[in-house]
Amino acid sequence: MDVIISIAIVMGSLGMILGISLAIAARIFYIETDPRQDQIENLLPGVNCGACGFTGCDRYAEAITKSKDKIEINLCTPGGEETTEAIGGIMGVKAEKREKRIAVLMCSAKNVKDKFSYSGPGNCRSAFLTQGGQKNCKYGCLGFGDCAEVCPTEAIYMDENNMPHVIEERCIACGKCAEICPKNLYQILPVSNYVHVRCKNLDKGVS
């Protein structure tokens, strides 16, 4: 019985010492956060799409309040003008309007025939590693829909010809489709730039 009591006393003492040590460490290493950071983070949509150039909404909010360099407050495409104006109110700065941008696919091919039968993994990157892909057009879309899978807002869908299409109203210009496309067929452009040559063919014409 005495042994059990002794063990209990020792364990209790160790627990108390550990608790006091943690409390002291928390006070010593405490980093005061700017309350505006939490306010801004709560305003952001939480999509963590990376369209602002940061890894997540929390990092963007932190950069706005802490960075020595002036970070633009209008970089959140999903949040739109309303979020930008709200952030401007918190930071005490005027919110400049930013033109909406969207992803544009630089390929308009339809019913492109295959030059060989591809039986590998069903994604564009794997197909591209096999002689640049199975399509006769070496510059065109491979049609496996990697871009549609990574789109955080489901702004890309595949049609009956396995060609991707961008729904402009849903697109937040995060650039994930451009990053994953092995043929670099996507460009992030302002909506006012409505004239596009939707082809990446680099071959010269017959002279």
N, C-alpha and C. Protein backbone atom coordinates (compact mmCIF):
# COMPACT_ATOMS: atom_id res chain seq x y z
N MET A 1 0.82 -1.21 0.00
CA MET A 1 0.00 0.00 0.00
C MET A 1 0.86 1.26 0.00
N ASP A 2 1.93 1.24 0.85
CA ASP A 2 2.83 2.40 0.92
C ASP A 2 3.49 2.66 -0.43
N VAL A 3 3.81 1.55 -1.14
CA VAL A 3 4.45 1.70 -2.45
C VAL A 3 3.51 2.39 -3.43
N ILE A 4 2.24 2.00 -3.41
CA ILE A 4 1.25 2.59 -4.31
C ILE A 4 1.08 4.07 -4.02
N ILE A 5 1.01 4.41 -2.73
CA ILE A 5 0.86 5.82 -2.34
C ILE A 5 2.07 6.63 -2.79
N SER A 6 3.26 6.05 -2.62
CA SER A 6 4.49 6.74 -3.02
C SER A 6 4.51 7.00 -4.52
N ILE A 7 4.09 5.97 -5.29
CA ILE A 7 4.05 6.12 -6.75
C ILE A 7 3.06 7.21 -7.15
N ALA A 8 1.91 7.22 -6.48
CA ALA A 8 0.88 8.23 -6.79
C ALA A 8 1.39 9.63 -6.50
N ILE A 9 2.10 9.78 -5.37
CA ILE A 9 2.66 11.09 -5.01
C ILE A 9 3.69 11.54 -6.03
N VAL A 10 4.56 10.61 -6.44
CA VAL A 10 5.60 10.93 -7.42
C VAL A 10 4.98 11.33 -8.75
N MET A 11 4.00 10.54 -9.22
CA MET A 11 3.35 10.83 -10.50
C MET A 11 2.61 12.16 -10.45
N GLY A 12 1.95 12.42 -9.32
CA GLY A 12 1.24 13.69 -9.18
C GLY A 12 2.20 14.87 -9.19
N SER A 13 3.34 14.70 -8.51
CA SER A 13 4.34 15.76 -8.48
C SER A 13 4.91 16.02 -9.86
N LEU A 14 5.19 14.93 -10.59
CA LEU A 14 5.72 15.08 -11.95
C LEU A 14 4.71 15.79 -12.85
N GLY A 15 3.44 15.42 -12.69
CA GLY A 15 2.40 16.07 -13.49
C GLY A 15 2.30 17.54 -13.19
N MET A 16 2.42 17.90 -11.91
CA MET A 16 2.35 19.31 -11.53
C MET A 16 3.54 20.09 -12.08
N ILE A 17 4.73 19.48 -11.98
CA ILE A 17 5.94 20.14 -12.50
C ILE A 17 5.84 20.33 -14.01
N LEU A 18 5.34 19.29 -14.70
CA LEU A 18 5.20 19.37 -16.15
C LEU A 18 4.20 20.46 -16.54
N GLY A 19 3.10 20.52 -15.81
CA GLY A 19 2.08 21.53 -16.10
C GLY A 19 2.61 22.94 -15.92
N ILE A 20 3.35 23.15 -14.81
CA ILE A 20 3.93 24.46 -14.55
C ILE A 20 4.95 24.82 -15.63
N SER A 21 5.75 23.81 -16.04
CA SER A 21 6.76 24.05 -17.08
C SER A 21 6.11 24.45 -18.40
N LEU A 22 5.02 23.77 -18.76
CA LEU A 22 4.33 24.10 -20.00
C LEU A 22 3.72 25.50 -19.95
N ALA A 23 3.19 25.86 -18.79
CA ALA A 23 2.60 27.19 -18.64
C ALA A 23 3.66 28.28 -18.78
N ILE A 24 4.83 28.04 -18.19
CA ILE A 24 5.94 29.00 -18.28
C ILE A 24 6.42 29.10 -19.73
N ALA A 25 6.56 27.94 -20.40
CA ALA A 25 7.03 27.92 -21.79
C ALA A 25 6.04 28.64 -22.70
N ALA A 26 4.75 28.42 -22.45
CA ALA A 26 3.73 29.08 -23.27
C ALA A 26 3.81 30.60 -23.13
N ARG A 27 4.09 31.06 -21.92
CA ARG A 27 4.20 32.51 -21.69
C ARG A 27 5.46 33.07 -22.34
N ILE A 28 6.57 32.31 -22.24
CA ILE A 28 7.84 32.78 -22.79
C ILE A 28 7.80 32.85 -24.31
N PHE A 29 7.24 31.79 -24.93
CA PHE A 29 7.26 31.69 -26.39
C PHE A 29 5.97 32.19 -27.04
N TYR A 30 5.14 32.85 -26.30
CA TYR A 30 3.87 33.35 -26.84
C TYR A 30 4.14 34.40 -27.92
N ILE A 31 3.48 34.22 -29.04
CA ILE A 31 3.60 35.18 -30.14
C ILE A 31 2.26 35.89 -30.30
N GLU A 32 2.28 37.17 -30.11
CA GLU A 32 1.04 37.94 -30.20
C GLU A 32 0.61 38.05 -31.66
N THR A 33 -0.63 37.73 -31.94
CA THR A 33 -1.15 37.79 -33.30
C THR A 33 -1.98 39.06 -33.49
N ASP A 34 -1.94 39.55 -34.69
CA ASP A 34 -2.72 40.73 -35.04
C ASP A 34 -4.19 40.31 -35.13
N PRO A 35 -5.07 40.92 -34.35
CA PRO A 35 -6.49 40.53 -34.40
C PRO A 35 -7.11 40.70 -35.78
N ARG A 36 -6.53 41.56 -36.59
CA ARG A 36 -7.05 41.75 -37.94
C ARG A 36 -6.85 40.50 -38.80
N GLN A 37 -5.82 39.72 -38.47
CA GLN A 37 -5.56 38.51 -39.24
C GLN A 37 -6.74 37.54 -39.16
N ASP A 38 -7.26 37.33 -37.94
CA ASP A 38 -8.41 36.44 -37.77
C ASP A 38 -9.64 37.01 -38.46
N GLN A 39 -9.81 38.32 -38.39
CA GLN A 39 -10.96 38.95 -39.03
C GLN A 39 -10.93 38.74 -40.54
N ILE A 40 -9.75 38.93 -41.12
CA ILE A 40 -9.61 38.76 -42.57
C ILE A 40 -9.78 37.30 -42.97
N GLU A 41 -9.19 36.41 -42.18
CA GLU A 41 -9.31 34.98 -42.50
C GLU A 41 -10.77 34.54 -42.47
N ASN A 42 -11.55 35.09 -41.54
CA ASN A 42 -12.97 34.75 -41.47
C ASN A 42 -13.75 35.28 -42.67
N LEU A 43 -13.23 36.35 -43.28
CA LEU A 43 -13.89 36.91 -44.47
C LEU A 43 -13.62 36.07 -45.72
N LEU A 44 -12.44 35.47 -45.78
CA LEU A 44 -12.05 34.71 -46.96
C LEU A 44 -12.87 33.43 -47.07
N PRO A 45 -13.12 32.95 -48.29
CA PRO A 45 -14.03 31.82 -48.50
C PRO A 45 -13.54 30.47 -48.00
N GLY A 46 -12.24 30.35 -47.71
CA GLY A 46 -11.73 29.08 -47.20
C GLY A 46 -11.55 28.01 -48.26
N VAL A 47 -11.51 28.41 -49.52
CA VAL A 47 -11.34 27.44 -50.60
C VAL A 47 -9.91 26.91 -50.66
N ASN A 48 -8.95 27.75 -50.22
CA ASN A 48 -7.53 27.39 -50.24
C ASN A 48 -7.08 26.98 -51.65
N CYS A 49 -7.53 27.75 -52.63
CA CYS A 49 -7.27 27.41 -54.03
C CYS A 49 -5.89 27.84 -54.50
N GLY A 50 -5.31 28.84 -53.83
CA GLY A 50 -3.99 29.32 -54.24
C GLY A 50 -4.02 30.40 -55.30
N ALA A 51 -5.20 30.87 -55.69
CA ALA A 51 -5.30 31.90 -56.72
C ALA A 51 -4.62 33.20 -56.30
N CYS A 52 -4.53 33.43 -54.99
CA CYS A 52 -3.90 34.65 -54.48
C CYS A 52 -2.38 34.56 -54.50
N GLY A 53 -1.85 33.36 -54.73
CA GLY A 53 -0.41 33.17 -54.73
C GLY A 53 0.12 32.61 -53.42
N PHE A 54 -0.78 32.37 -52.46
CA PHE A 54 -0.39 31.81 -51.18
C PHE A 54 -0.98 30.41 -51.02
N THR A 55 -0.41 29.63 -50.11
CA THR A 55 -0.81 28.23 -49.99
C THR A 55 -2.20 28.04 -49.39
N GLY A 56 -2.74 29.05 -48.78
CA GLY A 56 -4.07 28.93 -48.19
C GLY A 56 -4.59 30.27 -47.75
N CYS A 57 -5.88 30.31 -47.39
CA CYS A 57 -6.50 31.56 -46.97
C CYS A 57 -5.83 32.12 -45.71
N ASP A 58 -5.42 31.22 -44.80
CA ASP A 58 -4.79 31.69 -43.57
C ASP A 58 -3.46 32.38 -43.85
N ARG A 59 -2.70 31.84 -44.82
CA ARG A 59 -1.41 32.44 -45.16
C ARG A 59 -1.60 33.80 -45.85
N TYR A 60 -2.64 33.90 -46.64
CA TYR A 60 -2.92 35.18 -47.31
C TYR A 60 -3.30 36.24 -46.28
N ALA A 61 -4.15 35.85 -45.32
CA ALA A 61 -4.55 36.78 -44.26
C ALA A 61 -3.34 37.21 -43.44
N GLU A 62 -2.46 36.26 -43.15
CA GLU A 62 -1.26 36.57 -42.38
C GLU A 62 -0.36 37.53 -43.15
N ALA A 63 -0.21 37.30 -44.46
CA ALA A 63 0.65 38.14 -45.28
C ALA A 63 0.12 39.58 -45.36
N ILE A 64 -1.19 39.72 -45.45
CA ILE A 64 -1.78 41.06 -45.53
C ILE A 64 -1.47 41.87 -44.28
N THR A 65 -1.52 41.22 -43.13
CA THR A 65 -1.35 41.95 -41.86
C THR A 65 0.09 42.03 -41.39
N LYS A 66 0.96 41.11 -41.84
CA LYS A 66 2.30 41.05 -41.27
C LYS A 66 3.43 41.39 -42.25
N SER A 67 3.20 41.18 -43.53
CA SER A 67 4.29 41.34 -44.48
C SER A 67 4.78 42.78 -44.54
N LYS A 68 6.11 42.94 -44.61
CA LYS A 68 6.69 44.27 -44.75
C LYS A 68 6.42 44.83 -46.14
N ASP A 69 6.32 43.93 -47.10
CA ASP A 69 5.96 44.36 -48.46
C ASP A 69 4.45 44.56 -48.54
N LYS A 70 4.05 45.49 -49.36
CA LYS A 70 2.63 45.76 -49.51
C LYS A 70 1.97 44.63 -50.29
N ILE A 71 1.08 43.91 -49.63
CA ILE A 71 0.36 42.81 -50.27
C ILE A 71 -1.00 43.33 -50.74
N GLU A 72 -1.30 43.11 -52.00
CA GLU A 72 -2.58 43.56 -52.54
C GLU A 72 -3.72 42.82 -51.86
N ILE A 73 -4.78 43.54 -51.57
CA ILE A 73 -5.91 42.95 -50.85
C ILE A 73 -6.99 42.44 -51.80
N ASN A 74 -6.75 42.55 -53.10
CA ASN A 74 -7.77 42.15 -54.08
C ASN A 74 -7.41 40.86 -54.81
N LEU A 75 -6.60 40.01 -54.18
CA LEU A 75 -6.11 38.81 -54.85
C LEU A 75 -7.04 37.61 -54.70
N CYS A 76 -8.05 37.72 -53.84
CA CYS A 76 -8.95 36.59 -53.61
C CYS A 76 -10.04 36.58 -54.69
N THR A 77 -9.83 35.79 -55.72
CA THR A 77 -10.80 35.72 -56.81
C THR A 77 -12.14 35.14 -56.37
N PRO A 78 -12.18 34.05 -55.59
CA PRO A 78 -13.48 33.51 -55.17
C PRO A 78 -14.29 34.49 -54.32
N GLY A 79 -13.60 35.30 -53.51
CA GLY A 79 -14.30 36.24 -52.64
C GLY A 79 -14.91 37.40 -53.38
N GLY A 80 -14.27 37.79 -54.49
CA GLY A 80 -14.80 38.87 -55.30
C GLY A 80 -14.65 40.25 -54.67
N GLU A 81 -15.35 41.22 -55.26
CA GLU A 81 -15.23 42.61 -54.84
C GLU A 81 -15.73 42.83 -53.41
N GLU A 82 -16.76 42.09 -53.03
CA GLU A 82 -17.33 42.27 -51.68
C GLU A 82 -16.29 41.95 -50.61
N THR A 83 -15.57 40.84 -50.79
CA THR A 83 -14.53 40.47 -49.83
C THR A 83 -13.39 41.47 -49.84
N THR A 84 -13.02 41.92 -51.03
CA THR A 84 -11.94 42.90 -51.15
C THR A 84 -12.28 44.19 -50.41
N GLU A 85 -13.50 44.67 -50.57
CA GLU A 85 -13.92 45.89 -49.89
C GLU A 85 -13.94 45.71 -48.37
N ALA A 86 -14.36 44.53 -47.92
CA ALA A 86 -14.39 44.26 -46.48
C ALA A 86 -12.98 44.23 -45.90
N ILE A 87 -12.04 43.62 -46.63
CA ILE A 87 -10.65 43.60 -46.17
C ILE A 87 -10.09 45.01 -46.15
N GLY A 88 -10.43 45.80 -47.16
CA GLY A 88 -9.98 47.18 -47.20
C GLY A 88 -10.47 47.97 -46.01
N GLY A 89 -11.70 47.69 -45.57
CA GLY A 89 -12.23 48.36 -44.39
C GLY A 89 -11.47 48.00 -43.13
N ILE A 90 -11.06 46.74 -43.02
CA ILE A 90 -10.30 46.30 -41.85
C ILE A 90 -8.90 46.91 -41.85
N MET A 91 -8.28 46.95 -43.02
CA MET A 91 -6.90 47.43 -43.12
C MET A 91 -6.82 48.95 -43.27
N GLY A 92 -7.96 49.58 -43.50
CA GLY A 92 -7.97 51.03 -43.65
C GLY A 92 -7.35 51.51 -44.94
N VAL A 93 -7.51 50.72 -46.00
CA VAL A 93 -6.97 51.10 -47.30
C VAL A 93 -8.09 51.01 -48.35
N LYS A 94 -7.89 51.71 -49.43
CA LYS A 94 -8.87 51.70 -50.50
C LYS A 94 -8.71 50.42 -51.32
N ALA A 95 -9.81 49.77 -51.56
CA ALA A 95 -9.78 48.52 -52.32
C ALA A 95 -9.87 48.82 -53.82
N GLU A 96 -8.82 48.46 -54.55
CA GLU A 96 -8.83 48.66 -55.99
C GLU A 96 -9.50 47.47 -56.67
N LYS A 97 -10.34 47.77 -57.64
CA LYS A 97 -11.04 46.72 -58.36
C LYS A 97 -10.07 45.97 -59.26
N ARG A 98 -10.29 44.68 -59.37
CA ARG A 98 -9.44 43.84 -60.21
C ARG A 98 -10.32 43.11 -61.21
N GLU A 99 -9.95 43.18 -62.47
CA GLU A 99 -10.76 42.54 -63.50
C GLU A 99 -10.76 41.03 -63.31
N LYS A 100 -11.94 40.45 -63.48
CA LYS A 100 -12.08 39.01 -63.34
C LYS A 100 -11.25 38.30 -64.40
N ARG A 101 -10.60 37.23 -64.00
CA ARG A 101 -9.82 36.41 -64.92
C ARG A 101 -10.39 35.00 -64.94
N ILE A 102 -10.18 34.33 -66.03
CA ILE A 102 -10.67 32.96 -66.18
C ILE A 102 -9.62 32.10 -66.88
N ALA A 103 -9.78 30.81 -66.76
CA ALA A 103 -8.92 29.87 -67.47
C ALA A 103 -9.45 29.68 -68.89
N VAL A 104 -8.56 29.74 -69.85
CA VAL A 104 -8.94 29.57 -71.26
C VAL A 104 -8.15 28.40 -71.84
N LEU A 105 -8.86 27.44 -72.43
CA LEU A 105 -8.21 26.28 -73.05
C LEU A 105 -7.81 26.62 -74.47
N MET A 106 -6.53 26.53 -74.77
CA MET A 106 -6.02 26.84 -76.10
C MET A 106 -6.03 25.61 -76.99
N CYS A 107 -7.21 25.03 -77.12
CA CYS A 107 -7.39 23.89 -78.00
C CYS A 107 -8.88 23.79 -78.33
N SER A 108 -9.20 23.69 -79.59
CA SER A 108 -10.60 23.58 -80.01
C SER A 108 -10.81 22.35 -80.90
N ALA A 109 -9.90 21.40 -80.79
CA ALA A 109 -9.97 20.20 -81.63
C ALA A 109 -11.19 19.35 -81.28
N LYS A 110 -11.73 18.70 -82.28
CA LYS A 110 -12.87 17.79 -82.09
C LYS A 110 -12.62 16.50 -82.88
N ASN A 111 -12.94 15.41 -82.23
CA ASN A 111 -12.85 14.10 -82.89
C ASN A 111 -11.47 13.83 -83.50
N VAL A 112 -10.43 14.19 -82.77
CA VAL A 112 -9.07 13.91 -83.24
C VAL A 112 -8.79 12.42 -83.08
N LYS A 113 -8.36 11.79 -84.13
CA LYS A 113 -8.12 10.35 -84.09
C LYS A 113 -6.83 10.02 -83.33
N ASP A 114 -6.79 8.80 -82.81
CA ASP A 114 -5.59 8.34 -82.11
C ASP A 114 -4.59 7.78 -83.11
N LYS A 115 -3.31 8.01 -82.83
CA LYS A 115 -2.27 7.47 -83.70
C LYS A 115 -1.81 6.09 -83.25
N PHE A 116 -2.18 5.73 -82.02
CA PHE A 116 -1.92 4.38 -81.53
C PHE A 116 -2.88 4.09 -80.38
N SER A 117 -2.99 2.84 -80.01
CA SER A 117 -3.88 2.44 -78.92
C SER A 117 -3.15 2.57 -77.59
N TYR A 118 -3.64 3.46 -76.76
CA TYR A 118 -3.01 3.69 -75.45
C TYR A 118 -3.77 2.91 -74.38
N SER A 119 -3.05 2.12 -73.58
CA SER A 119 -3.70 1.30 -72.56
C SER A 119 -3.10 1.53 -71.17
N GLY A 120 -2.42 2.66 -71.00
CA GLY A 120 -1.81 2.96 -69.71
C GLY A 120 -2.79 3.61 -68.76
N PRO A 121 -2.29 4.19 -67.66
CA PRO A 121 -3.15 4.87 -66.68
C PRO A 121 -3.97 5.97 -67.36
N GLY A 122 -5.20 6.11 -66.93
CA GLY A 122 -6.11 7.05 -67.57
C GLY A 122 -5.97 8.48 -67.10
N ASN A 123 -4.81 9.06 -67.31
CA ASN A 123 -4.61 10.47 -67.01
C ASN A 123 -3.67 11.08 -68.02
N CYS A 124 -3.75 12.39 -68.16
CA CYS A 124 -3.01 13.09 -69.21
C CYS A 124 -1.50 12.99 -69.03
N ARG A 125 -1.03 13.10 -67.81
CA ARG A 125 0.42 13.09 -67.58
C ARG A 125 1.03 11.75 -67.97
N SER A 126 0.36 10.67 -67.64
CA SER A 126 0.88 9.35 -68.00
C SER A 126 0.86 9.16 -69.51
N ALA A 127 -0.23 9.57 -70.15
CA ALA A 127 -0.33 9.44 -71.61
C ALA A 127 0.73 10.29 -72.31
N PHE A 128 0.99 11.47 -71.76
CA PHE A 128 1.97 12.37 -72.37
C PHE A 128 3.37 11.77 -72.36
N LEU A 129 3.66 10.98 -71.33
CA LEU A 129 4.98 10.34 -71.24
C LEU A 129 5.16 9.24 -72.28
N THR A 130 4.06 8.85 -72.91
CA THR A 130 4.12 7.83 -73.96
C THR A 130 4.10 8.52 -75.32
N GLN A 131 5.24 8.87 -75.82
CA GLN A 131 5.40 9.50 -77.13
C GLN A 131 4.57 10.79 -77.27
N GLY A 132 4.41 11.51 -76.17
CA GLY A 132 3.68 12.76 -76.23
C GLY A 132 2.17 12.61 -76.25
N GLY A 133 1.70 11.39 -76.09
CA GLY A 133 0.26 11.17 -76.08
C GLY A 133 -0.21 10.41 -77.30
N GLN A 134 -1.43 9.91 -77.22
CA GLN A 134 -1.97 9.03 -78.25
C GLN A 134 -2.65 9.75 -79.41
N LYS A 135 -2.84 11.06 -79.29
CA LYS A 135 -3.57 11.79 -80.32
C LYS A 135 -2.69 12.12 -81.53
N ASN A 136 -3.33 12.19 -82.70
CA ASN A 136 -2.61 12.55 -83.91
C ASN A 136 -2.07 13.97 -83.84
N CYS A 137 -2.81 14.86 -83.19
CA CYS A 137 -2.34 16.24 -83.02
C CYS A 137 -1.39 16.28 -81.83
N LYS A 138 -0.14 16.55 -82.08
CA LYS A 138 0.85 16.52 -81.00
C LYS A 138 0.74 17.73 -80.08
N TYR A 139 -0.06 18.73 -80.46
CA TYR A 139 -0.21 19.92 -79.63
C TYR A 139 -1.53 19.94 -78.86
N GLY A 140 -2.45 19.06 -79.23
CA GLY A 140 -3.81 19.14 -78.70
C GLY A 140 -4.05 18.42 -77.38
N CYS A 141 -5.27 18.61 -76.89
CA CYS A 141 -5.72 18.01 -75.63
C CYS A 141 -5.76 16.49 -75.73
N LEU A 142 -5.34 15.83 -74.66
CA LEU A 142 -5.33 14.37 -74.63
C LEU A 142 -6.66 13.79 -74.16
N GLY A 143 -7.48 14.62 -73.52
CA GLY A 143 -8.86 14.23 -73.24
C GLY A 143 -9.12 13.33 -72.05
N PHE A 144 -8.20 13.25 -71.09
CA PHE A 144 -8.45 12.40 -69.93
C PHE A 144 -9.07 13.16 -68.75
N GLY A 145 -9.11 14.47 -68.84
CA GLY A 145 -9.83 15.25 -67.83
C GLY A 145 -9.11 15.49 -66.53
N ASP A 146 -7.78 15.50 -66.53
CA ASP A 146 -7.04 15.82 -65.31
C ASP A 146 -7.43 17.21 -64.79
N CYS A 147 -7.64 18.13 -65.73
CA CYS A 147 -7.98 19.51 -65.37
C CYS A 147 -9.32 19.58 -64.65
N ALA A 148 -10.28 18.80 -65.12
CA ALA A 148 -11.60 18.80 -64.50
C ALA A 148 -11.54 18.21 -63.09
N GLU A 149 -10.68 17.24 -62.89
CA GLU A 149 -10.58 16.58 -61.59
C GLU A 149 -9.98 17.50 -60.52
N VAL A 150 -9.03 18.35 -60.92
CA VAL A 150 -8.37 19.20 -59.92
C VAL A 150 -9.08 20.53 -59.70
N CYS A 151 -10.06 20.85 -60.53
CA CYS A 151 -10.76 22.14 -60.40
C CYS A 151 -11.55 22.17 -59.09
N PRO A 152 -11.25 23.11 -58.19
CA PRO A 152 -11.91 23.13 -56.88
C PRO A 152 -13.36 23.60 -56.91
N THR A 153 -13.78 24.22 -58.01
CA THR A 153 -15.16 24.73 -58.09
C THR A 153 -15.99 24.02 -59.15
N GLU A 154 -15.47 22.93 -59.69
CA GLU A 154 -16.16 22.17 -60.75
C GLU A 154 -16.53 23.07 -61.92
N ALA A 155 -15.58 23.93 -62.28
CA ALA A 155 -15.81 24.86 -63.39
C ALA A 155 -15.43 24.26 -64.74
N ILE A 156 -14.91 23.04 -64.74
CA ILE A 156 -14.52 22.39 -65.99
C ILE A 156 -15.27 21.07 -66.12
N TYR A 157 -15.85 20.86 -67.28
CA TYR A 157 -16.53 19.58 -67.53
C TYR A 157 -16.06 19.02 -68.87
N MET A 158 -16.18 17.72 -69.03
CA MET A 158 -15.77 17.05 -70.26
C MET A 158 -17.00 16.76 -71.12
N ASP A 159 -16.91 17.08 -72.42
CA ASP A 159 -18.05 16.84 -73.30
C ASP A 159 -18.02 15.42 -73.87
N GLU A 160 -18.92 15.16 -74.81
CA GLU A 160 -19.03 13.80 -75.36
C GLU A 160 -17.81 13.41 -76.18
N ASN A 161 -17.00 14.39 -76.59
CA ASN A 161 -15.78 14.11 -77.34
C ASN A 161 -14.54 14.11 -76.44
N ASN A 162 -14.77 14.08 -75.12
CA ASN A 162 -13.68 14.12 -74.14
C ASN A 162 -12.83 15.38 -74.26
N MET A 163 -13.51 16.48 -74.54
CA MET A 163 -12.85 17.78 -74.57
C MET A 163 -13.34 18.61 -73.39
N PRO A 164 -12.42 19.25 -72.67
CA PRO A 164 -12.82 20.06 -71.51
C PRO A 164 -13.40 21.41 -71.91
N HIS A 165 -14.34 21.88 -71.12
CA HIS A 165 -14.94 23.20 -71.31
C HIS A 165 -14.97 23.93 -69.97
N VAL A 166 -14.69 25.22 -69.99
CA VAL A 166 -14.65 26.03 -68.77
C VAL A 166 -15.96 26.80 -68.61
N ILE A 167 -16.58 26.66 -67.45
CA ILE A 167 -17.77 27.45 -67.12
C ILE A 167 -17.28 28.75 -66.49
N GLU A 168 -17.36 29.84 -67.23
CA GLU A 168 -16.76 31.10 -66.82
C GLU A 168 -17.28 31.58 -65.47
N GLU A 169 -18.57 31.40 -65.22
CA GLU A 169 -19.17 31.91 -63.98
C GLU A 169 -18.60 31.20 -62.75
N ARG A 170 -18.14 29.98 -62.91
CA ARG A 170 -17.61 29.22 -61.77
C ARG A 170 -16.09 29.35 -61.64
N CYS A 171 -15.43 29.71 -62.71
CA CYS A 171 -13.96 29.75 -62.71
C CYS A 171 -13.45 30.83 -61.76
N ILE A 172 -12.48 30.48 -60.92
CA ILE A 172 -11.89 31.43 -59.98
C ILE A 172 -10.43 31.73 -60.32
N ALA A 173 -9.99 31.28 -61.49
CA ALA A 173 -8.64 31.57 -61.98
C ALA A 173 -7.56 31.12 -61.01
N CYS A 174 -7.76 29.96 -60.39
CA CYS A 174 -6.76 29.47 -59.43
C CYS A 174 -5.51 28.93 -60.12
N GLY A 175 -5.65 28.54 -61.39
CA GLY A 175 -4.50 28.08 -62.15
C GLY A 175 -4.17 26.61 -61.99
N LYS A 176 -4.99 25.86 -61.25
CA LYS A 176 -4.68 24.44 -61.04
C LYS A 176 -4.75 23.66 -62.35
N CYS A 177 -5.66 24.04 -63.24
CA CYS A 177 -5.76 23.37 -64.53
C CYS A 177 -4.51 23.62 -65.36
N ALA A 178 -4.00 24.85 -65.30
CA ALA A 178 -2.78 25.19 -66.04
C ALA A 178 -1.58 24.43 -65.50
N GLU A 179 -1.55 24.22 -64.20
CA GLU A 179 -0.42 23.53 -63.58
C GLU A 179 -0.38 22.05 -63.95
N ILE A 180 -1.55 21.43 -64.05
CA ILE A 180 -1.58 19.98 -64.24
C ILE A 180 -1.55 19.57 -65.71
N CYS A 181 -1.86 20.48 -66.62
CA CYS A 181 -1.90 20.13 -68.04
C CYS A 181 -0.48 19.92 -68.57
N PRO A 182 -0.13 18.72 -69.03
CA PRO A 182 1.24 18.46 -69.50
C PRO A 182 1.57 19.17 -70.81
N LYS A 183 0.55 19.64 -71.51
CA LYS A 183 0.79 20.33 -72.78
C LYS A 183 0.63 21.84 -72.67
N ASN A 184 0.45 22.32 -71.44
CA ASN A 184 0.35 23.77 -71.19
C ASN A 184 -0.72 24.43 -72.07
N LEU A 185 -1.88 23.82 -72.10
CA LEU A 185 -2.95 24.31 -72.97
C LEU A 185 -3.82 25.38 -72.32
N TYR A 186 -3.66 25.59 -71.02
CA TYR A 186 -4.49 26.59 -70.33
C TYR A 186 -3.72 27.88 -70.10
N GLN A 187 -4.43 28.99 -70.28
CA GLN A 187 -3.90 30.30 -69.93
C GLN A 187 -4.93 31.02 -69.05
N ILE A 188 -4.44 31.77 -68.06
CA ILE A 188 -5.32 32.54 -67.20
C ILE A 188 -5.35 33.97 -67.74
N LEU A 189 -6.50 34.38 -68.25
CA LEU A 189 -6.61 35.65 -68.96
C LEU A 189 -7.77 36.49 -68.43
N PRO A 190 -7.69 37.82 -68.58
CA PRO A 190 -8.81 38.69 -68.21
C PRO A 190 -10.02 38.39 -69.10
N VAL A 191 -11.21 38.55 -68.54
CA VAL A 191 -12.41 38.26 -69.32
C VAL A 191 -12.57 39.21 -70.50
N SER A 192 -11.97 40.40 -70.40
CA SER A 192 -12.08 41.36 -71.49
C SER A 192 -11.28 40.92 -72.72
N ASN A 193 -10.34 40.01 -72.49
CA ASN A 193 -9.55 39.48 -73.60
C ASN A 193 -10.33 38.32 -74.22
N TYR A 194 -11.38 38.68 -74.97
CA TYR A 194 -12.32 37.66 -75.44
C TYR A 194 -11.98 37.10 -76.82
N VAL A 195 -10.91 37.58 -77.43
CA VAL A 195 -10.49 37.03 -78.72
C VAL A 195 -9.28 36.13 -78.49
N HIS A 196 -9.44 34.84 -78.79
CA HIS A 196 -8.38 33.88 -78.54
C HIS A 196 -8.14 33.02 -79.78
N VAL A 197 -6.89 32.71 -80.02
CA VAL A 197 -6.56 31.70 -81.02
C VAL A 197 -6.44 30.39 -80.26
N ARG A 198 -7.49 29.61 -80.28
CA ARG A 198 -7.54 28.41 -79.44
C ARG A 198 -6.80 27.25 -80.09
N CYS A 199 -5.50 27.44 -80.24
CA CYS A 199 -4.66 26.40 -80.80
C CYS A 199 -3.22 26.68 -80.42
N LYS A 200 -2.49 25.63 -80.05
CA LYS A 200 -1.08 25.77 -79.66
C LYS A 200 -0.13 25.23 -80.73
N ASN A 201 -0.65 25.03 -81.93
CA ASN A 201 0.17 24.50 -83.02
C ASN A 201 1.31 25.47 -83.34
N LEU A 202 2.52 24.97 -83.27
CA LEU A 202 3.70 25.80 -83.53
C LEU A 202 4.33 25.53 -84.89
N ASP A 203 3.73 24.63 -85.66
CA ASP A 203 4.29 24.30 -86.97
C ASP A 203 4.11 25.47 -87.94
N LYS A 204 5.09 25.68 -88.79
CA LYS A 204 5.01 26.73 -89.79
C LYS A 204 4.21 26.23 -91.00
N GLY A 205 3.51 27.15 -91.63
CA GLY A 205 2.74 26.80 -92.81
C GLY A 205 3.64 26.58 -94.02
N VAL A 206 3.05 26.07 -95.07
CA VAL A 206 3.80 25.83 -96.30
C VAL A 206 4.14 27.16 -96.95
N SER A 207 5.41 27.36 -97.25
CA SER A 207 5.84 28.62 -97.86
C SER A 207 5.66 28.58 -99.37
